[in-house]
Amino acid sequence: MVNVMPGGRVTEPGNALRFETGDWRSFRPILDREVCIDCMSCWMYCPDDSVIVKDGKIEGIRMTHCKGCGICAKVCPKHAITMVQE
């Protein structure tokens, strides 16, 4: 069981996969696979580990954890990720 303190403080490290935080967002990333060059910039900078990588390629975005911060879209050199309002 995860120890969650009042105010939403989480005191147990390494538990991010147990909390689905994607419903917090007001914008969501849309990945255009036709434009993506699999440079991994979005994966490196995503603070929520929401970018799904398989066999060295970006496979998608884990929406259950994505908070819609837009960092992935900002760092993409090919503008393969756009943020759209939910």
PDB file of N, CA and C in Angstrom:
ATOM      1  N   MET A   1       0.831  -1.177   0.000  1.00  0.00           N
ATOM      2  CA  MET A   1       0.000   0.000   0.000  1.00  0.00           C
ATOM      3  C   MET A   1       0.881   1.249   0.000  1.00  0.00           C
ATOM      4  N   VAL A   2       0.510   2.215  -0.789  1.00  0.00           N
ATOM      5  CA  VAL A   2       1.272   3.445  -0.897  1.00  0.00           C
ATOM      6  C   VAL A   2       0.837   4.409   0.198  1.00  0.00           C
ATOM      7  N   ASN A   3       1.809   5.010   0.853  1.00  0.00           N
ATOM      8  CA  ASN A   3       1.538   5.966   1.915  1.00  0.00           C
ATOM      9  C   ASN A   3       1.369   7.350   1.305  1.00  0.00           C
ATOM     10  N   VAL A   4       0.144   7.834   1.259  1.00  0.00           N
ATOM     11  CA  VAL A   4      -0.137   9.163   0.721  1.00  0.00           C
ATOM     12  C   VAL A   4      -0.549  10.059   1.876  1.00  0.00           C
ATOM     13  N   MET A   5       0.192  11.138   2.043  1.00  0.00           N
ATOM     14  CA  MET A   5      -0.056  12.077   3.141  1.00  0.00           C
ATOM     15  C   MET A   5      -1.142  13.069   2.725  1.00  0.00           C
ATOM     16  N   PRO A   6      -1.756  13.719   3.690  1.00  0.00           N
ATOM     17  CA  PRO A   6      -2.712  14.797   3.361  1.00  0.00           C
ATOM     18  C   PRO A   6      -2.041  15.847   2.480  1.00  0.00           C
ATOM     19  N   GLY A   7      -2.781  16.378   1.559  1.00  0.00           N
ATOM     20  CA  GLY A   7      -2.223  17.372   0.647  1.00  0.00           C
ATOM     21  C   GLY A   7      -1.600  16.747  -0.581  1.00  0.00           C
ATOM     22  N   GLY A   8      -1.714  15.434  -0.740  1.00  0.00           N
ATOM     23  CA  GLY A   8      -1.204  14.766  -1.927  1.00  0.00           C
ATOM     24  C   GLY A   8       0.276  14.458  -1.890  1.00  0.00           C
ATOM     25  N   ARG A   9       0.937  14.636  -0.762  1.00  0.00           N
ATOM     26  CA  ARG A   9       2.367  14.323  -0.675  1.00  0.00           C
ATOM     27  C   ARG A   9       2.558  12.817  -0.691  1.00  0.00           C
ATOM     28  N   VAL A  10       3.455  12.354  -1.498  1.00  0.00           N
ATOM     29  CA  VAL A  10       3.765  10.936  -1.575  1.00  0.00           C
ATOM     30  C   VAL A  10       5.113  10.742  -0.903  1.00  0.00           C
ATOM     31  N   THR A  11       5.167   9.904   0.104  1.00  0.00           N
ATOM     32  CA  THR A  11       6.392   9.746   0.887  1.00  0.00           C
ATOM     33  C   THR A  11       7.164   8.474   0.564  1.00  0.00           C
ATOM     34  N   GLU A  12       6.647   7.650  -0.313  1.00  0.00           N
ATOM     35  CA  GLU A  12       7.326   6.408  -0.683  1.00  0.00           C
ATOM     36  C   GLU A  12       7.953   6.586  -2.064  1.00  0.00           C
ATOM     37  N   PRO A  13       9.284   6.542  -2.187  1.00  0.00           N
ATOM     38  CA  PRO A  13       9.919   6.752  -3.486  1.00  0.00           C
ATOM     39  C   PRO A  13       9.691   5.571  -4.437  1.00  0.00           C
ATOM     40  N   GLY A  14       9.783   5.859  -5.728  1.00  0.00           N
ATOM     41  CA  GLY A  14       9.700   4.814  -6.741  1.00  0.00           C
ATOM     42  C   GLY A  14       8.318   4.259  -6.982  1.00  0.00           C
ATOM     43  N   ASN A  15       7.295   5.060  -6.810  1.00  0.00           N
ATOM     44  CA  ASN A  15       5.937   4.546  -6.933  1.00  0.00           C
ATOM     45  C   ASN A  15       5.149   5.191  -8.062  1.00  0.00           C
ATOM     46  N   ALA A  16       5.791   5.888  -8.959  1.00  0.00           N
ATOM     47  CA  ALA A  16       5.098   6.649  -9.999  1.00  0.00           C
ATOM     48  C   ALA A  16       4.188   5.788 -10.876  1.00  0.00           C
ATOM     49  N   LEU A  17       4.551   4.563 -11.118  1.00  0.00           N
ATOM     50  CA  LEU A  17       3.717   3.714 -11.976  1.00  0.00           C
ATOM     51  C   LEU A  17       2.379   3.376 -11.328  1.00  0.00           C
ATOM     52  N   ARG A  18       2.291   3.506 -10.017  1.00  0.00           N
ATOM     53  CA  ARG A  18       1.045   3.184  -9.321  1.00  0.00           C
ATOM     54  C   ARG A  18       0.038   4.336  -9.307  1.00  0.00           C
ATOM     55  N   PHE A  19       0.470   5.530  -9.728  1.00  0.00           N
ATOM     56  CA  PHE A  19      -0.420   6.685  -9.724  1.00  0.00           C
ATOM     57  C   PHE A  19      -0.687   7.136 -11.156  1.00  0.00           C
ATOM     58  N   GLU A  20      -1.920   7.059 -11.574  1.00  0.00           N
ATOM     59  CA  GLU A  20      -2.292   7.537 -12.912  1.00  0.00           C
ATOM     60  C   GLU A  20      -2.652   9.011 -12.792  1.00  0.00           C
ATOM     61  N   THR A  21      -1.775   9.839 -13.321  1.00  0.00           N
ATOM     62  CA  THR A  21      -1.917  11.283 -13.165  1.00  0.00           C
ATOM     63  C   THR A  21      -2.370  11.965 -14.451  1.00  0.00           C
ATOM     64  N   GLY A  22      -2.677  11.202 -15.480  1.00  0.00           N
ATOM     65  CA  GLY A  22      -3.041  11.773 -16.769  1.00  0.00           C
ATOM     66  C   GLY A  22      -4.323  12.573 -16.781  1.00  0.00           C
ATOM     67  N   ASP A  23      -5.187  12.362 -15.801  1.00  0.00           N
ATOM     68  CA  ASP A  23      -6.441  13.112 -15.802  1.00  0.00           C
ATOM     69  C   ASP A  23      -6.264  14.547 -15.293  1.00  0.00           C
ATOM     70  N   TRP A  24      -5.049  14.943 -14.955  1.00  0.00           N
ATOM     71  CA  TRP A  24      -4.771  16.315 -14.526  1.00  0.00           C
ATOM     72  C   TRP A  24      -4.639  17.260 -15.706  1.00  0.00           C
ATOM     73  N   ARG A  25      -4.347  16.730 -16.875  1.00  0.00           N
ATOM     74  CA  ARG A  25      -3.949  17.604 -17.992  1.00  0.00           C
ATOM     75  C   ARG A  25      -5.136  18.303 -18.648  1.00  0.00           C
ATOM     76  N   SER A  26      -4.821  19.444 -19.265  1.00  0.00           N
ATOM     77  CA  SER A  26      -5.806  20.146 -20.081  1.00  0.00           C
ATOM     78  C   SER A  26      -5.378  20.144 -21.545  1.00  0.00           C
ATOM     79  N   PHE A  27      -4.109  19.773 -21.801  1.00  0.00           N
ATOM     80  CA  PHE A  27      -3.604  19.597 -23.160  1.00  0.00           C
ATOM     81  C   PHE A  27      -2.985  18.216 -23.258  1.00  0.00           C
ATOM     82  N   ARG A  28      -3.084  17.616 -24.442  1.00  0.00           N
ATOM     83  CA  ARG A  28      -2.473  16.301 -24.643  1.00  0.00           C
ATOM     84  C   ARG A  28      -1.590  16.312 -25.877  1.00  0.00           C
ATOM     85  N   PRO A  29      -0.511  15.542 -25.861  1.00  0.00           N
ATOM     86  CA  PRO A  29       0.387  15.497 -27.009  1.00  0.00           C
ATOM     87  C   PRO A  29      -0.139  14.543 -28.085  1.00  0.00           C
ATOM     88  N   ILE A  30       0.026  14.959 -29.327  1.00  0.00           N
ATOM     89  CA  ILE A  30      -0.300  14.114 -30.478  1.00  0.00           C
ATOM     90  C   ILE A  30       0.996  13.900 -31.255  1.00  0.00           C
ATOM     91  N   LEU A  31       1.372  12.652 -31.425  1.00  0.00           N
ATOM     92  CA  LEU A  31       2.600  12.293 -32.123  1.00  0.00           C
ATOM     93  C   LEU A  31       2.308  11.991 -33.586  1.00  0.00           C
ATOM     94  N   ASP A  32       3.031  12.647 -34.481  1.00  0.00           N
ATOM     95  CA  ASP A  32       2.920  12.388 -35.916  1.00  0.00           C
ATOM     96  C   ASP A  32       4.067  11.465 -36.324  1.00  0.00           C
ATOM     97  N   ARG A  33       3.784  10.185 -36.458  1.00  0.00           N
ATOM     98  CA  ARG A  33       4.815   9.190 -36.793  1.00  0.00           C
ATOM     99  C   ARG A  33       5.434   9.442 -38.173  1.00  0.00           C
ATOM    100  N   GLU A  34       4.732  10.112 -39.058  1.00  0.00           N
ATOM    101  CA  GLU A  34       5.272  10.411 -40.392  1.00  0.00           C
ATOM    102  C   GLU A  34       6.427  11.405 -40.311  1.00  0.00           C
ATOM    103  N   VAL A  35       6.421  12.234 -39.285  1.00  0.00           N
ATOM    104  CA  VAL A  35       7.431  13.288 -39.130  1.00  0.00           C
ATOM    105  C   VAL A  35       8.517  12.888 -38.132  1.00  0.00           C
ATOM    106  N   CYS A  36       8.184  12.054 -37.167  1.00  0.00           N
ATOM    107  CA  CYS A  36       9.105  11.660 -36.100  1.00  0.00           C
ATOM    108  C   CYS A  36      10.331  10.947 -36.659  1.00  0.00           C
ATOM    109  N   ILE A  37      11.526  11.331 -36.151  1.00  0.00           N
ATOM    110  CA  ILE A  37      12.775  10.694 -36.580  1.00  0.00           C
ATOM    111  C   ILE A  37      13.374   9.824 -35.470  1.00  0.00           C
ATOM    112  N   ASP A  38      12.610   9.580 -34.412  1.00  0.00           N
ATOM    113  CA  ASP A  38      13.033   8.742 -33.291  1.00  0.00           C
ATOM    114  C   ASP A  38      14.349   9.212 -32.672  1.00  0.00           C
ATOM    115  N   CYS A  39      14.472  10.515 -32.486  1.00  0.00           N
ATOM    116  CA  CYS A  39      15.695  11.077 -31.901  1.00  0.00           C
ATOM    117  C   CYS A  39      15.751  10.887 -30.389  1.00  0.00           C
ATOM    118  N   MET A  40      14.630  10.566 -29.785  1.00  0.00           N
ATOM    119  CA  MET A  40      14.505  10.308 -28.351  1.00  0.00           C
ATOM    120  C   MET A  40      14.559  11.563 -27.486  1.00  0.00           C
ATOM    121  N   SER A  41      14.508  12.736 -28.063  1.00  0.00           N
ATOM    122  CA  SER A  41      14.509  13.960 -27.262  1.00  0.00           C
ATOM    123  C   SER A  41      13.294  14.001 -26.344  1.00  0.00           C
ATOM    124  N   CYS A  42      12.130  13.664 -26.860  1.00  0.00           N
ATOM    125  CA  CYS A  42      10.911  13.676 -26.042  1.00  0.00           C
ATOM    126  C   CYS A  42      11.025  12.698 -24.883  1.00  0.00           C
ATOM    127  N   TRP A  43      11.578  11.540 -25.139  1.00  0.00           N
ATOM    128  CA  TRP A  43      11.757  10.521 -24.106  1.00  0.00           C
ATOM    129  C   TRP A  43      12.722  11.000 -23.023  1.00  0.00           C
ATOM    130  N   MET A  44      13.829  11.638 -23.437  1.00  0.00           N
ATOM    131  CA  MET A  44      14.827  12.110 -22.475  1.00  0.00           C
ATOM    132  C   MET A  44      14.284  13.204 -21.563  1.00  0.00           C
ATOM    133  N   TYR A  45      13.478  14.102 -22.114  1.00  0.00           N
ATOM    134  CA  TYR A  45      13.023  15.257 -21.347  1.00  0.00           C
ATOM    135  C   TYR A  45      11.684  15.073 -20.641  1.00  0.00           C
ATOM    136  N   CYS A  46      10.931  14.052 -20.970  1.00  0.00           N
ATOM    137  CA  CYS A  46       9.624  13.852 -20.344  1.00  0.00           C
ATOM    138  C   CYS A  46       9.793  13.620 -18.837  1.00  0.00           C
ATOM    139  N   PRO A  47       9.228  14.508 -18.010  1.00  0.00           N
ATOM    140  CA  PRO A  47       9.391  14.349 -16.566  1.00  0.00           C
ATOM    141  C   PRO A  47       8.535  13.226 -15.972  1.00  0.00           C
ATOM    142  N   ASP A  48       7.625  12.670 -16.749  1.00  0.00           N
ATOM    143  CA  ASP A  48       6.717  11.653 -16.230  1.00  0.00           C
ATOM    144  C   ASP A  48       6.927  10.275 -16.831  1.00  0.00           C
ATOM    145  N   ASP A  49       7.984  10.102 -17.633  1.00  0.00           N
ATOM    146  CA  ASP A  49       8.253   8.814 -18.284  1.00  0.00           C
ATOM    147  C   ASP A  49       7.032   8.343 -19.071  1.00  0.00           C
ATOM    148  N   SER A  50       6.411   9.284 -19.777  1.00  0.00           N
ATOM    149  CA  SER A  50       5.186   8.977 -20.518  1.00  0.00           C
ATOM    150  C   SER A  50       5.440   8.550 -21.956  1.00  0.00           C
ATOM    151  N   VAL A  51       6.634   8.761 -22.460  1.00  0.00           N
ATOM    152  CA  VAL A  51       6.939   8.407 -23.853  1.00  0.00           C
ATOM    153  C   VAL A  51       7.284   6.918 -23.904  1.00  0.00           C
ATOM    154  N   ILE A  52       6.576   6.198 -24.736  1.00  0.00           N
ATOM    155  CA  ILE A  52       6.756   4.753 -24.853  1.00  0.00           C
ATOM    156  C   ILE A  52       7.743   4.469 -25.983  1.00  0.00           C
ATOM    157  N   VAL A  53       8.812   3.746 -25.647  1.00  0.00           N
ATOM    158  CA  VAL A  53       9.848   3.389 -26.617  1.00  0.00           C
ATOM    159  C   VAL A  53       9.905   1.878 -26.729  1.00  0.00           C
ATOM    160  N   LYS A  54       9.957   1.396 -27.967  1.00  0.00           N
ATOM    161  CA  LYS A  54      10.090  -0.038 -28.200  1.00  0.00           C
ATOM    162  C   LYS A  54      11.051  -0.238 -29.357  1.00  0.00           C
ATOM    163  N   ASP A  55      12.064  -1.051 -29.155  1.00  0.00           N
ATOM    164  CA  ASP A  55      13.064  -1.351 -30.171  1.00  0.00           C
ATOM    165  C   ASP A  55      13.694  -0.082 -30.744  1.00  0.00           C
ATOM    166  N   GLY A  56      13.975   0.892 -29.876  1.00  0.00           N
ATOM    167  CA  GLY A  56      14.651   2.108 -30.298  1.00  0.00           C
ATOM    168  C   GLY A  56      13.787   3.095 -31.059  1.00  0.00           C
ATOM    169  N   LYS A  57      12.476   2.904 -31.032  1.00  0.00           N
ATOM    170  CA  LYS A  57      11.558   3.807 -31.732  1.00  0.00           C
ATOM    171  C   LYS A  57      10.479   4.292 -30.772  1.00  0.00           C
ATOM    172  N   ILE A  58      10.054   5.525 -31.001  1.00  0.00           N
ATOM    173  CA  ILE A  58       8.969   6.077 -30.207  1.00  0.00           C
ATOM    174  C   ILE A  58       7.682   5.402 -30.654  1.00  0.00           C
ATOM    175  N   GLU A  59       7.024   4.747 -29.728  1.00  0.00           N
ATOM    176  CA  GLU A  59       5.811   4.004 -30.063  1.00  0.00           C
ATOM    177  C   GLU A  59       4.546   4.794 -29.749  1.00  0.00           C
ATOM    178  N   GLY A  60       4.637   5.709 -28.812  1.00  0.00           N
ATOM    179  CA  GLY A  60       3.463   6.489 -28.448  1.00  0.00           C
ATOM    180  C   GLY A  60       3.662   7.200 -27.130  1.00  0.00           C
ATOM    181  N   ILE A  61       2.564   7.712 -26.602  1.00  0.00           N
ATOM    182  CA  ILE A  61       2.572   8.438 -25.340  1.00  0.00           C
ATOM    183  C   ILE A  61       1.633   7.732 -24.361  1.00  0.00           C
ATOM    184  N   ARG A  62       2.116   7.475 -23.169  1.00  0.00           N
ATOM    185  CA  ARG A  62       1.316   6.824 -22.125  1.00  0.00           C
ATOM    186  C   ARG A  62       0.419   7.896 -21.500  1.00  0.00           C
ATOM    187  N   MET A  63      -0.817   7.979 -21.941  1.00  0.00           N
ATOM    188  CA  MET A  63      -1.735   9.030 -21.510  1.00  0.00           C
ATOM    189  C   MET A  63      -2.163   8.886 -20.046  1.00  0.00           C
ATOM    190  N   THR A  64      -2.001   7.708 -19.475  1.00  0.00           N
ATOM    191  CA  THR A  64      -2.372   7.538 -18.075  1.00  0.00           C
ATOM    192  C   THR A  64      -1.428   8.287 -17.135  1.00  0.00           C
ATOM    193  N   HIS A  65      -0.235   8.658 -17.631  1.00  0.00           N
ATOM    194  CA  HIS A  65       0.738   9.368 -16.803  1.00  0.00           C
ATOM    195  C   HIS A  65       1.079  10.760 -17.333  1.00  0.00           C
ATOM    196  N   CYS A  66       0.790  11.039 -18.581  1.00  0.00           N
ATOM    197  CA  CYS A  66       1.114  12.343 -19.175  1.00  0.00           C
ATOM    198  C   CYS A  66       0.263  13.437 -18.529  1.00  0.00           C
ATOM    199  N   LYS A  67       0.943  14.482 -18.046  1.00  0.00           N
ATOM    200  CA  LYS A  67       0.246  15.609 -17.421  1.00  0.00           C
ATOM    201  C   LYS A  67       0.026  16.760 -18.393  1.00  0.00           C
ATOM    202  N   GLY A  68       0.479  16.613 -19.634  1.00  0.00           N
ATOM    203  CA  GLY A  68       0.238  17.644 -20.639  1.00  0.00           C
ATOM    204  C   GLY A  68       1.123  18.859 -20.516  1.00  0.00           C
ATOM    205  N   CYS A  69       2.314  18.702 -19.986  1.00  0.00           N
ATOM    206  CA  CYS A  69       3.200  19.851 -19.766  1.00  0.00           C
ATOM    207  C   CYS A  69       3.717  20.448 -21.071  1.00  0.00           C
ATOM    208  N   GLY A  70       3.807  19.632 -22.129  1.00  0.00           N
ATOM    209  CA  GLY A  70       4.247  20.128 -23.431  1.00  0.00           C
ATOM    210  C   GLY A  70       5.745  20.149 -23.646  1.00  0.00           C
ATOM    211  N   ILE A  71       6.519  19.642 -22.687  1.00  0.00           N
ATOM    212  CA  ILE A  71       7.973  19.619 -22.859  1.00  0.00           C
ATOM    213  C   ILE A  71       8.351  18.785 -24.079  1.00  0.00           C
ATOM    214  N   CYS A  72       7.676  17.670 -24.287  1.00  0.00           N
ATOM    215  CA  CYS A  72       7.988  16.809 -25.431  1.00  0.00           C
ATOM    216  C   CYS A  72       7.840  17.566 -26.745  1.00  0.00           C
ATOM    217  N   ALA A  73       6.788  18.345 -26.871  1.00  0.00           N
ATOM    218  CA  ALA A  73       6.555  19.115 -28.091  1.00  0.00           C
ATOM    219  C   ALA A  73       7.596  20.217 -28.244  1.00  0.00           C
ATOM    220  N   LYS A  74       7.980  20.819 -27.138  1.00  0.00           N
ATOM    221  CA  LYS A  74       8.948  21.923 -27.173  1.00  0.00           C
ATOM    222  C   LYS A  74      10.333  21.451 -27.604  1.00  0.00           C
ATOM    223  N   VAL A  75      10.752  20.258 -27.172  1.00  0.00           N
ATOM    224  CA  VAL A  75      12.104  19.790 -27.476  1.00  0.00           C
ATOM    225  C   VAL A  75      12.204  19.021 -28.796  1.00  0.00           C
ATOM    226  N   CYS A  76      11.081  18.706 -29.414  1.00  0.00           N
ATOM    227  CA  CYS A  76      11.101  17.922 -30.662  1.00  0.00           C
ATOM    228  C   CYS A  76      11.694  18.767 -31.799  1.00  0.00           C
ATOM    229  N   PRO A  77      12.827  18.334 -32.370  1.00  0.00           N
ATOM    230  CA  PRO A  77      13.462  19.121 -33.428  1.00  0.00           C
ATOM    231  C   PRO A  77      12.676  19.124 -34.745  1.00  0.00           C
ATOM    232  N   LYS A  78      11.802  18.171 -34.930  1.00  0.00           N
ATOM    233  CA  LYS A  78      11.026  18.073 -36.172  1.00  0.00           C
ATOM    234  C   LYS A  78       9.571  18.502 -36.001  1.00  0.00           C
ATOM    235  N   HIS A  79       9.204  18.948 -34.804  1.00  0.00           N
ATOM    236  CA  HIS A  79       7.825  19.365 -34.500  1.00  0.00           C
ATOM    237  C   HIS A  79       6.833  18.238 -34.808  1.00  0.00           C
ATOM    238  N   ALA A  80       7.231  17.019 -34.434  1.00  0.00           N
ATOM    239  CA  ALA A  80       6.399  15.844 -34.666  1.00  0.00           C
ATOM    240  C   ALA A  80       5.345  15.675 -33.564  1.00  0.00           C
ATOM    241  N   ILE A  81       5.440  16.487 -32.524  1.00  0.00           N
ATOM    242  CA  ILE A  81       4.482  16.420 -31.424  1.00  0.00           C
ATOM    243  C   ILE A  81       3.794  17.773 -31.311  1.00  0.00           C
ATOM    244  N   THR A  82       2.493  17.748 -31.325  1.00  0.00           N
ATOM    245  CA  THR A  82       1.721  18.967 -31.125  1.00  0.00           C
ATOM    246  C   THR A  82       0.826  18.774 -29.919  1.00  0.00           C
ATOM    247  N   MET A  83       0.553  19.857 -29.237  1.00  0.00           N
ATOM    248  CA  MET A  83      -0.308  19.822 -28.062  1.00  0.00           C
ATOM    249  C   MET A  83      -1.685  20.307 -28.465  1.00  0.00           C
ATOM    250  N   VAL A  84      -2.703  19.525 -28.125  1.00  0.00           N
ATOM    251  CA  VAL A  84      -4.079  19.907 -28.429  1.00  0.00           C
ATOM    252  C   VAL A  84      -4.868  19.956 -27.126  1.00  0.00           C
ATOM    253  N   GLN A  85      -5.821  20.844 -27.089  1.00  0.00           N
ATOM    254  CA  GLN A  85      -6.629  20.986 -25.881  1.00  0.00           C
ATOM    255  C   GLN A  85      -7.551  19.797 -25.718  1.00  0.00           C
ATOM    256  N   GLU A  86      -7.690  19.318 -24.500  1.00  0.00           N
ATOM    257  CA  GLU A  86      -8.573  18.190 -24.202  1.00  0.00           C
ATOM    258  C   GLU A  86     -10.009  18.595 -24.377  1.00  0.00           C
TER     259      GLU A  86
END
